[in-house]
Amino acid sequence: MMMNTQAMHEQLAALADAARWRIIELLAERPRSVGVVGELTGLRQPQASKHLQTLERAGLVISRRSGQRRIYALQTEVLHAVIAELRRVAALADTNRGGRDAFVQYVAAIDAETTAAADEGWADEREYVFRRRLRASREVIWSHLTDPALLAEWWTTGDLRLARIEFGTHPGDRLLQEYTDVDDRSGADGVIGRAEGVIEAVTANERLAFQLSPVLPDGGAAFTGHYTYTLAAAGESTDLEVRLRITDSTVPSAEFIAGIRLGWEQCLHNLAAIVAANSITNEEEA
């Protein structure tokens, strides 16, 4: 049975009431009259009638007059259709469970880091190292690491969009990131993440060092991140190392630091997928 969205909403709303759910269970056993439904549920007959009428309007039951009584029966095919729709949504959630699992990990990390963030400087000198072998030359990888248009394609997690980026390639050049929700095209939530920094050292196609600091709601820096990208040729591929050292960590930085490992794993996964796809396309064109 095909269901339209409005009908499904009405059916779910009808099933959400505890008394009506008990009525559904009773009618699943056999058709019953209003009076019997009221007796078995402890409802007065007017209340039982009202609930049954709600279920009937939603298409979950049908009724027929039999002498002085009105008998109600369950529309099992409609109930099966509701169940099928719920299963479809559950299957969709399972297919996309990566985002949900990442969120659960992030929440757990926030709790742990918030506990650790007792004083200023609590995370100073903490270091993170991420490595990936990428299927492209150092020149291609370098462009993905430094070209703002290419950066916008991978330097973000699944639920965010890099709406604005400034990224220079000379020492002293300014860096800027502004993130919005990936689904927020109208700007309803505005900028939900911002980071500012500066390029420190550049050796084209080999090494890039920069500072980047997430900005707190009050305008201050959450911490200073000292980043170093190192690229090494590996045949037709490139080994990329991303090294991050933290200084100047503040107590409110716990939420930002909690997302570093998970965020960078997602970003580098994005980069690897984009580079691999481009490599396949180039091979096919050749």
Foldseek 3Di string as FASTA:
>chain_A
DDDDPVLLVLQVVLCVDPLLVVVVVVLVVHKDWLVVSCVVSVHDSVVSVVSQVSCVVSVQWDWDDDPPTIIIHGPVVVVVVSVVVVVVVVVVCVVVVVVVVLVVLLVVQLVVLLVQLPFWFSQAFDKDKDKDKAQAALQVVLCCVAPVVNVQQQQWFPQKGFPDWDGDQDFFGKTKTWIDTPPPPPCPVPTPWMKIWTWHDHDRSAKTWIWIFIADPVGHGQWIKIWMWGWDDDDRIIMIMIMIGTGRHHSVSSSVVSCVVVSVVRRVVSVRVVRVVVVVVVVVVD
